[in-house]
Amino acid sequence: MLDKITVSLPRDIPVAEGERLHLKANRKPASGARVINDELVTVKSVGADGRIELADGRVLEKSFREFLAG
């Protein structure tokens, strides 16, 4: 069961277009393409609903919280 636990310190991190994010979890978002722990990505846009669209077309749902400013 330890592979199902996420331990993190919640913080508010402002995210804007063009910023880089350092992903900290492996996951396959509902939008399709997989994201990988330790990956650096670039933000294309942030939706009003909290979704983050990445420059490569992938989308992080509002519930995806495992990232740091990169």
Protein backbone atom coordinates (compact mmCIF):
# COMPACT_ATOMS: atom_id res chain seq x y z
CA MET A 1 0.00 0.00 0.00
CA LEU A 2 2.95 2.38 0.37
CA ASP A 3 2.98 2.97 -3.39
CA LYS A 4 -0.47 4.60 -3.01
CA ILE A 5 0.61 7.27 -0.49
CA THR A 6 1.64 10.81 -1.38
CA VAL A 7 3.38 12.89 1.26
CA SER A 8 3.75 16.56 0.55
CA LEU A 9 3.56 20.00 2.07
CA PRO A 10 0.71 21.98 0.50
CA ARG A 11 1.65 25.48 -0.70
CA ASP A 12 0.09 28.03 -2.99
CA ILE A 13 2.28 28.41 -6.07
CA PRO A 14 1.25 31.00 -8.64
CA VAL A 15 1.40 29.53 -12.14
CA ALA A 16 1.42 31.62 -15.33
CA GLU A 17 1.93 31.14 -19.04
CA GLY A 18 5.55 30.41 -19.97
CA GLU A 19 6.58 29.17 -16.53
CA ARG A 20 8.39 25.90 -16.02
CA LEU A 21 7.09 23.24 -13.64
CA HIS A 22 8.99 20.34 -12.09
CA LEU A 23 6.58 17.41 -11.92
CA LYS A 24 6.85 15.18 -8.88
CA ALA A 25 4.52 12.25 -9.67
CA ASN A 26 3.83 9.61 -12.29
CA ARG A 27 0.29 9.79 -13.52
CA LYS A 28 -1.90 9.38 -16.58
CA PRO A 29 -4.30 12.36 -16.57
CA ALA A 30 -7.79 12.01 -18.01
CA SER A 31 -6.59 14.13 -20.95
CA GLY A 32 -4.49 11.23 -22.16
CA ALA A 33 -0.69 11.44 -22.32
CA ARG A 34 1.29 10.33 -19.28
CA VAL A 35 3.32 12.66 -17.05
CA ILE A 36 6.52 11.41 -15.42
CA ASN A 37 8.12 12.17 -12.07
CA ASP A 38 11.10 14.56 -12.34
CA GLU A 39 9.95 15.89 -15.73
CA LEU A 40 10.34 19.61 -16.53
CA VAL A 41 7.43 21.08 -18.49
CA THR A 42 6.40 24.51 -19.77
CA VAL A 43 2.97 26.02 -19.08
CA LYS A 44 1.05 27.10 -22.17
CA SER A 45 -2.02 28.39 -20.33
CA VAL A 46 -3.98 28.17 -17.09
CA GLY A 47 -7.73 27.69 -17.42
CA ALA A 48 -10.35 29.44 -15.31
CA ASP A 49 -11.25 26.00 -13.93
CA GLY A 50 -7.68 25.45 -12.66
CA ARG A 51 -6.50 23.10 -15.40
CA ILE A 52 -2.97 23.67 -16.66
CA GLU A 53 -2.30 23.19 -20.37
CA LEU A 54 1.31 22.35 -21.17
CA ALA A 55 3.23 23.53 -24.23
CA ASP A 56 3.32 19.97 -25.60
CA GLY A 57 -0.50 19.68 -25.52
CA ARG A 58 -0.91 17.66 -22.34
CA VAL A 59 -3.31 18.94 -19.68
CA LEU A 60 -2.92 18.70 -15.91
CA GLU A 61 -6.26 18.59 -14.09
CA LYS A 62 -6.96 20.90 -11.19
CA SER A 63 -6.43 17.92 -8.86
CA PHE A 64 -2.82 17.40 -10.04
CA ARG A 65 -0.85 19.01 -7.24
CA GLU A 66 2.49 17.23 -7.30
CA PHE A 67 4.73 19.88 -8.83
CA LEU A 68 7.18 22.59 -7.89
CA ALA A 69 8.20 25.77 -9.64
CA GLY A 70 10.88 24.65 -12.05
